[in-house]
Protein backbone atom coordinates (compact mmCIF):
# COMPACT_ATOMS: atom_id res chain seq x y z
CA MET A 1 -94.31 34.08 154.73
CA ASP A 2 -90.64 34.25 153.71
CA MET A 3 -89.58 31.57 151.20
CA ASP A 4 -86.36 31.03 149.28
CA MET A 5 -86.55 31.58 145.55
CA ASP A 6 -85.50 28.00 144.75
CA MET A 7 -87.94 26.26 147.11
CA ARG A 8 -91.33 24.92 146.15
CA ALA A 9 -94.36 25.41 148.40
CA ASP A 10 -93.88 21.97 149.99
CA GLY A 11 -90.28 22.80 150.99
CA ILE A 12 -88.52 20.59 148.44
CA ARG A 13 -85.70 22.31 146.61
CA GLU A 14 -85.96 22.31 142.83
CA GLY A 15 -82.96 21.37 140.71
CA ARG A 16 -81.28 23.73 138.31
CA GLU A 17 -82.75 23.36 134.86
CA PRO A 18 -80.42 23.27 131.85
CA ARG A 19 -80.51 26.13 129.37
CA SER A 20 -82.54 25.96 126.17
CA ALA A 21 -81.17 24.55 122.92
CA GLY A 22 -81.14 28.02 121.36
CA ALA A 23 -79.08 29.43 124.22
CA ASN A 24 -76.65 26.50 123.95
CA LEU A 25 -76.27 27.09 120.22
CA LEU A 26 -75.61 30.81 120.69
CA VAL A 27 -72.97 30.17 123.36
CA PHE A 28 -71.33 27.51 121.22
CA LEU A 29 -71.23 29.83 118.20
CA ALA A 30 -69.87 32.66 120.33
CA LEU A 31 -67.02 30.40 121.49
CA LEU A 32 -66.00 29.28 117.99
CA PRO A 33 -63.46 32.13 117.58
CA LEU A 34 -61.78 31.10 120.85
CA ASP A 35 -61.80 27.47 119.74
CA ALA A 36 -60.27 28.45 116.41
CA LEU A 37 -57.60 30.55 118.11
CA VAL A 38 -56.56 27.90 120.64
CA GLY A 39 -56.88 25.05 118.13
CA GLY A 40 -54.96 27.04 115.53
CA TYR A 41 -52.16 27.62 118.03
CA ALA A 42 -51.94 23.88 118.73
CA TRP A 43 -51.98 23.08 115.01
CA LEU A 44 -49.29 25.69 114.35
CA VAL A 45 -47.03 24.34 117.09
CA VAL A 46 -47.32 20.80 115.74
CA GLY A 47 -46.73 22.01 112.18
CA ILE A 48 -43.68 24.10 113.05
CA GLY A 49 -42.19 21.20 115.00
CA GLY A 50 -42.68 18.84 112.07
CA TRP A 51 -41.33 21.34 109.59
CA ALA A 52 -38.23 22.00 111.68
CA ALA A 53 -37.61 18.28 112.15
CA ALA A 54 -37.95 17.66 108.41
CA HIS A 55 -35.42 20.39 107.57
CA ASN A 56 -32.96 19.29 110.24
CA GLY A 57 -33.19 15.62 109.31
CA ALA A 58 -34.34 14.73 112.83
CA GLU A 59 -37.25 12.63 114.03
CA ALA A 60 -40.40 14.71 114.46
CA ALA A 61 -41.52 14.90 118.08
CA VAL A 62 -45.01 15.89 119.16
CA PRO A 63 -44.95 18.97 121.46
CA VAL A 64 -47.04 17.34 124.16
CA MET A 65 -46.87 20.17 126.70
CA GLU A 66 -48.23 22.71 124.21
CA LEU A 67 -51.02 20.32 123.25
CA VAL A 68 -51.84 19.64 126.90
CA GLY A 69 -52.01 23.40 127.51
CA SER A 70 -54.28 23.99 124.53
CA GLY A 71 -56.49 21.05 125.41
CA GLY A 72 -56.60 22.23 129.01
CA VAL A 73 -57.83 25.68 128.00
CA LEU A 74 -60.60 24.19 125.87
CA ALA A 75 -61.51 21.68 128.59
CA ALA A 76 -61.68 24.48 131.18
CA VAL A 77 -64.08 26.37 128.93
CA GLY A 78 -66.18 23.20 128.66
CA LEU A 79 -66.26 22.83 132.45
CA ALA A 80 -67.28 26.46 132.83
CA LEU A 81 -70.09 25.86 130.36
CA CYS A 82 -71.25 22.84 132.36
CA TRP A 83 -71.24 24.90 135.55
CA GLY A 84 -73.27 27.58 133.77
CA ARG A 85 -75.86 24.97 132.75
CA TYR A 86 -74.97 25.14 129.05
CA ARG A 87 -74.67 21.36 128.80
CA GLY A 88 -75.22 21.12 125.03
CA ALA A 89 -72.48 23.65 124.34
CA ALA A 90 -70.20 21.85 126.84
CA VAL A 91 -70.69 18.53 125.03
CA ALA A 92 -69.94 20.17 121.68
CA GLN A 93 -66.83 21.78 123.22
CA LEU A 94 -65.70 18.38 124.54
CA VAL A 95 -66.22 16.69 121.19
CA LEU A 96 -64.30 19.41 119.33
CA THR A 97 -61.44 19.29 121.85
CA ALA A 98 -61.20 15.49 121.73
CA ALA A 99 -61.28 15.44 117.93
CA LEU A 100 -58.63 18.16 117.63
CA MET A 101 -56.27 16.59 120.15
CA ALA A 102 -56.72 13.10 118.65
CA TRP A 103 -55.96 14.44 115.18
CA LEU A 104 -52.92 16.44 116.31
CA LEU A 105 -51.51 13.49 118.27
CA SER A 106 -52.02 11.10 115.36
CA PRO A 107 -49.17 10.38 112.91
CA HIS A 108 -51.03 12.35 110.21
CA GLY A 109 -51.59 15.49 112.35
């Protein structure tokens, strides 16, 4: 009898199970250097823009396109994690991205 790997004996397809908490933690920790690199770039762009505006006597403008690009990279990583069934790591990625972008877009960022 030939059966698909994802079918039970009664013919009902089983859903994809999420990964374990340990696997989610390892993936999240492995992605921290990428998060730091992309987040550091966004922070640097905002800081340089503010510094230049302060020395030129101009109004500081938030570099929205750079922040959208950085946030997009981190969000894409989160979506890839979701697709790979690392839902815990994807939620942590989303929270970090939202917190970073909210802080950088705030007047104190």
